[in-house]
C-alpha atoms as a PDB file:
ATOM      1  CA  UNK A   1      16.290 -12.020  -7.049  1.00  0.00           C
ATOM      2  CA  UNK A   2      19.263 -12.254  -5.038  1.00  0.00           C
ATOM      3  CA  UNK A   3      19.796 -13.594  -1.501  1.00  0.00           C
ATOM      4  CA  UNK A   4      21.684 -12.632   1.594  1.00  0.00           C
ATOM      5  CA  UNK A   5      23.272 -14.754   4.090  1.00  0.00           C
ATOM      6  CA  UNK A   6      22.854 -13.266   7.591  1.00  0.00           C
ATOM      7  CA  UNK A   7      25.055 -13.646  10.803  1.00  0.00           C
ATOM      8  CA  UNK A   8      22.072 -15.747  12.170  1.00  0.00           C
ATOM      9  CA  UNK A   9      22.522 -18.417   9.503  1.00  0.00           C
ATOM     10  CA  UNK A  10      19.368 -17.247   7.612  1.00  0.00           C
ATOM     11  CA  UNK A  11      19.087 -16.836   3.839  1.00  0.00           C
ATOM     12  CA  UNK A  12      17.016 -13.847   2.991  1.00  0.00           C
ATOM     13  CA  UNK A  13      15.683 -13.404  -0.518  1.00  0.00           C
ATOM     14  CA  UNK A  14      15.494  -9.781  -1.835  1.00  0.00           C
ATOM     15  CA  UNK A  15      15.078  -7.788  -5.155  1.00  0.00           C
ATOM     16  CA  UNK A  16      17.022  -4.460  -5.414  1.00  0.00           C
ATOM     17  CA  UNK A  17      16.302  -1.513  -7.795  1.00  0.00           C
ATOM     18  CA  UNK A  18      19.186   0.828  -8.434  1.00  0.00           C
ATOM     19  CA  UNK A  19      18.230   4.344  -8.560  1.00  0.00           C
ATOM     20  CA  UNK A  20      18.544   7.868  -6.788  1.00  0.00           C
ATOM     21  CA  UNK A  21      18.217   8.040  -3.017  1.00  0.00           C
ATOM     22  CA  UNK A  22      16.722   7.835  -0.484  1.00  0.00           C
ATOM     23  CA  UNK A  23      16.090   4.256  -1.104  1.00  0.00           C
ATOM     24  CA  UNK A  24      12.619   2.772  -0.449  1.00  0.00           C
ATOM     25  CA  UNK A  25      12.409  -0.104   1.693  1.00  0.00           C
ATOM     26  CA  UNK A  26       9.218  -2.181   1.697  1.00  0.00           C
ATOM     27  CA  UNK A  27       8.707  -4.271   4.590  1.00  0.00           C
ATOM     28  CA  UNK A  28       5.802  -6.913   4.195  1.00  0.00           C
ATOM     29  CA  UNK A  29       3.210  -8.170   6.708  1.00  0.00           C
ATOM     30  CA  UNK A  30       2.972 -11.271   8.794  1.00  0.00           C
ATOM     31  CA  UNK A  31       2.782 -14.372   6.422  1.00  0.00           C
ATOM     32  CA  UNK A  32       2.921 -11.981   3.313  1.00  0.00           C
ATOM     33  CA  UNK A  33       5.933 -11.759   0.972  1.00  0.00           C
ATOM     34  CA  UNK A  34       7.574  -9.572  -1.231  1.00  0.00           C
ATOM     35  CA  UNK A  35       5.487 -10.558  -4.291  1.00  0.00           C
ATOM     36  CA  UNK A  36       2.605  -8.978  -2.793  1.00  0.00           C
ATOM     37  CA  UNK A  37       0.477  -6.335  -4.752  1.00  0.00           C
ATOM     38  CA  UNK A  38       1.418  -3.295  -2.634  1.00  0.00           C
ATOM     39  CA  UNK A  39       5.267  -4.323  -2.877  1.00  0.00           C
ATOM     40  CA  UNK A  40       5.309  -4.995  -6.603  1.00  0.00           C
ATOM     41  CA  UNK A  41       3.264  -1.879  -7.461  1.00  0.00           C
ATOM     42  CA  UNK A  42       5.405   0.579  -5.404  1.00  0.00           C
ATOM     43  CA  UNK A  43       8.661  -1.105  -6.947  1.00  0.00           C
ATOM     44  CA  UNK A  44       7.295  -0.253 -10.328  1.00  0.00           C
ATOM     45  CA  UNK A  45       6.357   3.293  -9.200  1.00  0.00           C
ATOM     46  CA  UNK A  46       9.982   3.772  -7.771  1.00  0.00           C
ATOM     47  CA  UNK A  47      11.408   2.399 -11.061  1.00  0.00           C
ATOM     48  CA  UNK A  48       9.513   4.664 -13.228  1.00  0.00           C
ATOM     49  CA  UNK A  49      10.891   7.550 -10.844  1.00  0.00           C
ATOM     50  CA  UNK A  50      14.500   6.422 -11.158  1.00  0.00           C
ATOM     51  CA  UNK A  51      14.293   5.711  -7.268  1.00  0.00           C
ATOM     52  CA  UNK A  52      16.146   3.073  -5.454  1.00  0.00           C
ATOM     53  CA  UNK A  53      13.927   0.389  -4.038  1.00  0.00           C
ATOM     54  CA  UNK A  54      14.436  -2.758  -1.928  1.00  0.00           C
ATOM     55  CA  UNK A  55      11.953  -5.550  -1.163  1.00  0.00           C
ATOM     56  CA  UNK A  56      12.542  -8.744   0.553  1.00  0.00           C
ATOM     57  CA  UNK A  57      11.119 -11.759   2.313  1.00  0.00           C
ATOM     58  CA  UNK A  58      11.751 -12.307   6.182  1.00  0.00           C
ATOM     59  CA  UNK A  59      12.790 -15.750   7.154  1.00  0.00           C
ATOM     60  CA  UNK A  60      10.136 -18.325   7.086  1.00  0.00           C
ATOM     61  CA  UNK A  61       8.317 -16.197   4.367  1.00  0.00           C
ATOM     62  CA  UNK A  62       8.369 -16.296   0.512  1.00  0.00           C
ATOM     63  CA  UNK A  63      11.621 -17.457  -0.942  1.00  0.00           C
ATOM     64  CA  UNK A  64      13.727 -17.069   2.270  1.00  0.00           C
ATOM     65  CA  UNK A  65      14.984 -19.896   4.493  1.00  0.00           C
ATOM     66  CA  UNK A  66      13.322 -21.042   7.479  1.00  0.00           C
ATOM     67  CA  UNK A  67       9.749 -22.192   8.712  1.00  0.00           C
ATOM     68  CA  UNK A  68       7.152 -19.567   9.766  1.00  0.00           C
ATOM     69  CA  UNK A  69       6.166 -21.359  12.828  1.00  0.00           C
ATOM     70  CA  UNK A  70       9.565 -21.320  13.887  1.00  0.00           C
ATOM     71  CA  UNK A  71      10.048 -17.256  13.698  1.00  0.00           C
ATOM     72  CA  UNK A  72       9.263 -14.272  15.860  1.00  0.00           C
ATOM     73  CA  UNK A  73       9.301 -10.591  15.895  1.00  0.00           C
ATOM     74  CA  UNK A  74      13.000 -10.336  16.807  1.00  0.00           C
ATOM     75  CA  UNK A  75      14.119 -12.914  13.969  1.00  0.00           C
ATOM     76  CA  UNK A  76      12.448 -10.754  11.361  1.00  0.00           C
ATOM     77  CA  UNK A  77      13.848  -7.664  13.006  1.00  0.00           C
ATOM     78  CA  UNK A  78      17.245  -9.116  12.629  1.00  0.00           C
ATOM     79  CA  UNK A  79      16.388  -9.932   8.953  1.00  0.00           C
ATOM     80  CA  UNK A  80      15.387  -6.178   8.251  1.00  0.00           C
ATOM     81  CA  UNK A  81      18.522  -4.906   9.935  1.00  0.00           C
ATOM     82  CA  UNK A  82      20.789  -7.265   7.720  1.00  0.00           C
ATOM     83  CA  UNK A  83      19.161  -5.851   4.485  1.00  0.00           C
ATOM     84  CA  UNK A  84      19.466  -2.236   5.877  1.00  0.00           C
ATOM     85  CA  UNK A  85      23.063  -2.846   6.953  1.00  0.00           C
ATOM     86  CA  UNK A  86      24.493  -4.957   4.052  1.00  0.00           C
ATOM     87  CA  UNK A  87      22.152  -4.136   1.073  1.00  0.00           C
ATOM     88  CA  UNK A  88      21.090  -0.742   1.177  1.00  0.00           C
ATOM     89  CA  UNK A  89      23.579   2.580   1.145  1.00  0.00           C
ATOM     90  CA  UNK A  90      22.451   5.924   2.472  1.00  0.00           C
ATOM     91  CA  UNK A  91      19.196   7.276   3.682  1.00  0.00           C
ATOM     92  CA  UNK A  92      16.217   5.152   3.612  1.00  0.00           C
ATOM     93  CA  UNK A  93      12.307   5.808   3.401  1.00  0.00           C
ATOM     94  CA  UNK A  94      10.826   2.769   4.869  1.00  0.00           C
ATOM     95  CA  UNK A  95       7.301   1.652   4.004  1.00  0.00           C
ATOM     96  CA  UNK A  96       5.738  -1.058   6.180  1.00  0.00           C
ATOM     97  CA  UNK A  97       2.596  -2.743   5.859  1.00  0.00           C
ATOM     98  CA  UNK A  98       0.735  -4.490   8.842  1.00  0.00           C
ATOM     99  CA  UNK A  99       3.623  -6.265  10.787  1.00  0.00           C
ATOM    100  CA  UNK A 100       6.003  -4.430   8.668  1.00  0.00           C
ATOM    101  CA  UNK A 101       4.628  -1.232  10.139  1.00  0.00           C
ATOM    102  CA  UNK A 102       5.798  -2.779  13.621  1.00  0.00           C
ATOM    103  CA  UNK A 103       9.290  -3.799  11.667  1.00  0.00           C
ATOM    104  CA  UNK A 104       9.407  -0.119  10.418  1.00  0.00           C
ATOM    105  CA  UNK A 105       9.021   1.146  14.102  1.00  0.00           C
ATOM    106  CA  UNK A 106      11.516  -1.142  15.246  1.00  0.00           C
ATOM    107  CA  UNK A 107      13.853   0.119  12.677  1.00  0.00           C
ATOM    108  CA  UNK A 108      13.341   3.599  13.584  1.00  0.00           C
ATOM    109  CA  UNK A 109      14.694   2.804  17.250  1.00  0.00           C
ATOM    110  CA  UNK A 110      17.599   0.598  15.984  1.00  0.00           C
ATOM    111  CA  UNK A 111      18.742   2.693  12.878  1.00  0.00           C
ATOM    112  CA  UNK A 112      17.149   6.113  13.346  1.00  0.00           C
ATOM    113  CA  UNK A 113      20.187   7.993  11.615  1.00  0.00           C
ATOM    114  CA  UNK A 114      19.452   5.986   8.407  1.00  0.00           C
ATOM    115  CA  UNK A 115      15.717   6.922   8.194  1.00  0.00           C
ATOM    116  CA  UNK A 116      14.887   9.836   6.105  1.00  0.00           C
ATOM    117  CA  UNK A 117      10.929   8.867   6.381  1.00  0.00           C
ATOM    118  CA  UNK A 118       8.408   6.467   7.013  1.00  0.00           C
ATOM    119  CA  UNK A 119       4.995   5.375   5.629  1.00  0.00           C
ATOM    120  CA  UNK A 120       2.894   2.706   7.146  1.00  0.00           C
ATOM    121  CA  UNK A 121      -0.164   0.809   5.791  1.00  0.00           C
ATOM    122  CA  UNK A 122      -2.382  -0.689   8.644  1.00  0.00           C
ATOM    123  CA  UNK A 123       0.483  -0.697  10.939  1.00  0.00           C
ATOM    124  CA  UNK A 124       0.414  -3.395  13.678  1.00  0.00           C
ATOM    125  CA  UNK A 125       2.805  -2.534  16.425  1.00  0.00           C
ATOM    126  CA  UNK A 126       2.579  -5.030  19.478  1.00  0.00           C
ATOM    127  CA  UNK A 127       0.169  -7.256  17.693  1.00  0.00           C
ATOM    128  CA  UNK A 128       1.368 -10.380  19.546  1.00  0.00           C
ATOM    129  CA  UNK A 129       0.454  -8.922  22.827  1.00  0.00           C
ATOM    130  CA  UNK A 130      -2.408  -6.518  22.371  1.00  0.00           C
ATOM    131  CA  UNK A 131      -4.111  -8.612  19.479  1.00  0.00           C
ATOM    132  CA  UNK A 132      -3.132 -12.242  19.934  1.00  0.00           C
ATOM    133  CA  UNK A 133      -2.489 -12.612  23.796  1.00  0.00           C
ATOM    134  CA  UNK A 134      -5.204 -10.189  24.749  1.00  0.00           C
ATOM    135  CA  UNK A 135      -7.936 -12.080  22.875  1.00  0.00           C
ATOM    136  CA  UNK A 136      -7.004 -15.448  23.836  1.00  0.00           C
ATOM    137  CA  UNK A 137      -9.298 -17.665  25.901  1.00  0.00           C
ATOM    138  CA  UNK A 138      -8.257 -19.161  28.950  1.00  0.00           C
ATOM    139  CA  UNK A 139      -8.382 -22.349  26.950  1.00  0.00           C
ATOM    140  CA  UNK A 140      -6.169 -20.905  24.284  1.00  0.00           C
ATOM    141  CA  UNK A 141      -3.654 -19.820  26.789  1.00  0.00           C
ATOM    142  CA  UNK A 142      -3.442 -23.163  28.535  1.00  0.00           C
ATOM    143  CA  UNK A 143      -3.252 -24.869  24.728  1.00  0.00           C
ATOM    144  CA  UNK A 144      -0.175 -22.632  24.295  1.00  0.00           C
ATOM    145  CA  UNK A 145       1.385 -23.564  27.200  1.00  0.00           C
ATOM    146  CA  UNK A 146       0.690 -27.041  26.816  1.00  0.00           C
ATOM    147  CA  UNK A 147       1.340 -27.648  23.066  1.00  0.00           C
ATOM    148  CA  UNK A 148       3.600 -24.731  22.395  1.00  0.00           C
ATOM    149  CA  UNK A 149       1.103 -23.290  19.922  1.00  0.00           C
ATOM    150  CA  UNK A 150      -2.476 -22.327  18.984  1.00  0.00           C
ATOM    151  CA  UNK A 151      -4.219 -22.266  15.536  1.00  0.00           C
ATOM    152  CA  UNK A 152      -5.835 -19.024  14.658  1.00  0.00           C
ATOM    153  CA  UNK A 153      -8.184 -18.487  11.692  1.00  0.00           C
ATOM    154  CA  UNK A 154      -7.242 -16.112   9.009  1.00  0.00           C
ATOM    155  CA  UNK A 155      -9.378 -14.097   6.561  1.00  0.00           C
ATOM    156  CA  UNK A 156      -6.527 -14.001   4.105  1.00  0.00           C
ATOM    157  CA  UNK A 157      -4.695 -17.364   3.801  1.00  0.00           C
ATOM    158  CA  UNK A 158      -4.491 -20.630   5.690  1.00  0.00           C
ATOM    159  CA  UNK A 159      -4.804 -20.661   9.391  1.00  0.00           C
ATOM    160  CA  UNK A 160      -1.793 -19.154  11.268  1.00  0.00           C
ATOM    161  CA  UNK A 161       0.104 -21.343  13.662  1.00  0.00           C
ATOM    162  CA  UNK A 162       0.801 -19.045  16.467  1.00  0.00           C
ATOM    163  CA  UNK A 163       3.619 -20.261  18.694  1.00  0.00           C
ATOM    164  CA  UNK A 164       4.492 -19.691  22.212  1.00  0.00           C
ATOM    165  CA  UNK A 165       7.856 -18.368  21.232  1.00  0.00           C
ATOM    166  CA  UNK A 166       6.203 -15.599  19.005  1.00  0.00           C
ATOM    167  CA  UNK A 167       4.208 -14.463  21.872  1.00  0.00           C
ATOM    168  CA  UNK A 168       6.825 -14.497  24.566  1.00  0.00           C
ATOM    169  CA  UNK A 169       9.762 -13.120  22.220  1.00  0.00           C
ATOM    170  CA  UNK A 170       7.490 -10.550  21.039  1.00  0.00           C
ATOM    171  CA  UNK A 171       7.360  -9.012  24.574  1.00  0.00           C
ATOM    172  CA  UNK A 172      11.103  -7.800  24.244  1.00  0.00           C
ATOM    173  CA  UNK A 173      10.116  -5.777  21.119  1.00  0.00           C
ATOM    174  CA  UNK A 174       6.981  -3.721  22.249  1.00  0.00           C
ATOM    175  CA  UNK A 175       7.019  -0.177  20.982  1.00  0.00           C
ATOM    176  CA  UNK A 176       4.051   1.242  22.420  1.00  0.00           C
ATOM    177  CA  UNK A 177       5.080   1.004  26.099  1.00  0.00           C
ATOM    178  CA  UNK A 178       7.970   3.174  25.855  1.00  0.00           C
ATOM    179  CA  UNK A 179       8.912   6.466  24.234  1.00  0.00           C
ATOM    180  CA  UNK A 180       8.986   6.293  20.366  1.00  0.00           C
ATOM    181  CA  UNK A 181      10.812   9.187  18.706  1.00  0.00           C
ATOM    182  CA  UNK A 182      10.206   9.437  14.863  1.00  0.00           C
ATOM    183  CA  UNK A 183      12.316  12.417  13.905  1.00  0.00           C
ATOM    184  CA  UNK A 184      11.226  12.679  10.186  1.00  0.00           C
ATOM    185  CA  UNK A 185       8.290  12.607   7.986  1.00  0.00           C
ATOM    186  CA  UNK A 186       5.882  10.101   8.832  1.00  0.00           C
ATOM    187  CA  UNK A 187       2.684   8.829   7.198  1.00  0.00           C
ATOM    188  CA  UNK A 188       0.405   6.500   8.899  1.00  0.00           C
ATOM    189  CA  UNK A 189      -2.435   4.951   6.352  1.00  0.00           C
ATOM    190  CA  UNK A 190      -5.505   3.320   8.051  1.00  0.00           C
ATOM    191  CA  UNK A 191      -8.597   1.650   6.649  1.00  0.00           C
ATOM    192  CA  UNK A 192     -11.619   2.208   8.571  1.00  0.00           C
ATOM    193  CA  UNK A 193     -13.155  -1.525   7.354  1.00  0.00           C
ATOM    194  CA  UNK A 194      -9.794  -3.017   8.490  1.00  0.00           C
ATOM    195  CA  UNK A 195     -10.893  -6.411  10.581  1.00  0.00           C
ATOM    196  CA  UNK A 196      -7.226  -7.139  11.420  1.00  0.00           C
ATOM    197  CA  UNK A 197      -5.947  -3.929  12.391  1.00  0.00           C
ATOM    198  CA  UNK A 198      -8.398  -1.433  14.097  1.00  0.00           C
ATOM    199  CA  UNK A 199      -8.667   2.339  13.795  1.00  0.00           C
ATOM    200  CA  UNK A 200      -8.009   2.646  17.578  1.00  0.00           C
ATOM    201  CA  UNK A 201      -4.708   0.894  16.912  1.00  0.00           C
ATOM    202  CA  UNK A 202      -3.785   3.602  14.503  1.00  0.00           C
ATOM    203  CA  UNK A 203      -5.052   6.489  16.748  1.00  0.00           C
ATOM    204  CA  UNK A 204      -2.973   4.999  19.683  1.00  0.00           C
ATOM    205  CA  UNK A 205      -0.018   4.773  17.561  1.00  0.00           C
ATOM    206  CA  UNK A 206      -0.437   8.436  16.356  1.00  0.00           C
ATOM    207  CA  UNK A 207      -1.014   9.552  19.917  1.00  0.00           C
ATOM    208  CA  UNK A 208       1.896   7.636  21.207  1.00  0.00           C
ATOM    209  CA  UNK A 209       4.676   8.368  18.608  1.00  0.00           C
ATOM    210  CA  UNK A 210       6.723  11.743  19.153  1.00  0.00           C
ATOM    211  CA  UNK A 211       7.988  13.828  16.114  1.00  0.00           C
ATOM    212  CA  UNK A 212       7.826  16.990  14.084  1.00  0.00           C
ATOM    213  CA  UNK A 213       5.838  15.700  11.151  1.00  0.00           C
ATOM    214  CA  UNK A 214       3.359  12.900  11.871  1.00  0.00           C
ATOM    215  CA  UNK A 215       0.035  12.365  10.299  1.00  0.00           C
ATOM    216  CA  UNK A 216      -2.752   9.786  10.105  1.00  0.00           C
ATOM    217  CA  UNK A 217      -4.948   9.357   7.023  1.00  0.00           C
ATOM    218  CA  UNK A 218      -8.167   7.391   7.549  1.00  0.00           C
ATOM    219  CA  UNK A 219      -9.666   5.974   4.517  1.00  0.00           C
ATOM    220  CA  UNK A 220     -13.312   5.164   4.874  1.00  0.00           C
ATOM    221  CA  UNK A 221     -14.361   1.657   3.557  1.00  0.00           C
ATOM    222  CA  UNK A 222     -10.829   0.522   2.984  1.00  0.00           C
ATOM    223  CA  UNK A 223      -9.892  -2.951   4.201  1.00  0.00           C
ATOM    224  CA  UNK A 224      -6.850  -4.539   5.559  1.00  0.00           C
ATOM    225  CA  UNK A 225      -5.428  -5.134   2.019  1.00  0.00           C
ATOM    226  CA  UNK A 226      -5.519  -1.526   1.218  1.00  0.00           C
ATOM    227  CA  UNK A 227      -4.709  -2.520  -2.252  1.00  0.00           C
ATOM    228  CA  UNK A 228      -7.555  -1.238  -4.721  1.00  0.00           C
ATOM    229  CA  UNK A 229      -6.440   1.554  -7.104  1.00  0.00           C
ATOM    230  CA  UNK A 230      -7.407   4.511  -4.817  1.00  0.00           C
ATOM    231  CA  UNK A 231      -5.413   2.998  -1.892  1.00  0.00           C
ATOM    232  CA  UNK A 232      -2.297   2.119  -4.027  1.00  0.00           C
ATOM    233  CA  UNK A 233      -2.640   5.719  -5.465  1.00  0.00           C
ATOM    234  CA  UNK A 234      -2.611   7.130  -1.858  1.00  0.00           C
ATOM    235  CA  UNK A 235       0.345   5.144  -1.141  1.00  0.00           C
ATOM    236  CA  UNK A 236       2.170   6.586  -3.778  1.00  0.00           C
ATOM    237  CA  UNK A 237       1.486  10.014  -2.993  1.00  0.00           C
ATOM    238  CA  UNK A 238       2.321   9.591   0.687  1.00  0.00           C
ATOM    239  CA  UNK A 239       5.627   8.149  -0.303  1.00  0.00           C
ATOM    240  CA  UNK A 240       6.400  10.904  -2.760  1.00  0.00           C
ATOM    241  CA  UNK A 241       5.465  13.525  -0.104  1.00  0.00           C
ATOM    242  CA  UNK A 242       7.669  11.939   2.373  1.00  0.00           C
ATOM    243  CA  UNK A 243      10.564  11.640  -0.005  1.00  0.00           C
ATOM    244  CA  UNK A 244       9.956  15.413  -1.040  1.00  0.00           C
ATOM    245  CA  UNK A 245       9.830  16.556   2.712  1.00  0.00           C
ATOM    246  CA  UNK A 246      13.001  14.093   3.322  1.00  0.00           C
ATOM    247  CA  UNK A 247      15.292  15.801   0.797  1.00  0.00           C
END
């Protein structure tokens, strides 16, 4: 494991595997980290191919500096850009899981010339607005204003502390309200039994994104983890096809 000190004063932990390009960059989900099943599995797959691969922890996640409760979408976007600009040379195929899918889309907007392809797994663009804020009761909205945060239960971890800053700052990074051009091979993967990200979100993203080679694959019965053997194999094949079309 190595560390990158960013211009914002954050210390970002990462693993880099050298190999041929394009480099596969894995962007994890909210409160997940680079030790997750999908990230580690895909790294091993890339190493076996001799493919360059990078996985990292956003600030407030895993081994990186900061507290999760103090972070926001823009902070994690800055972390991603620091990795792209300072750690990776040449073209990139970005793989984003859940919130990492939103980060992948932000990366496409900020560094389009660097991207050769994209694969997302249960991508969750704009979830702070369309997921959290839209589902908050009036009491929760009042608590957010008064206390600066609300507590949200999670099926996968301890409760999430959702800060007022996460909601408000997220509004400056929404990607489904303006044109979203993805001029490279794109594969969206989504499970039909995902209780965190709905198939409606996946089809909305598919309909909204513009590009010459964009496909959505729905996997009947798969949940948000998308980490059983069949799902991991599908991720591999999707990345492999994206790499082939990219090169």
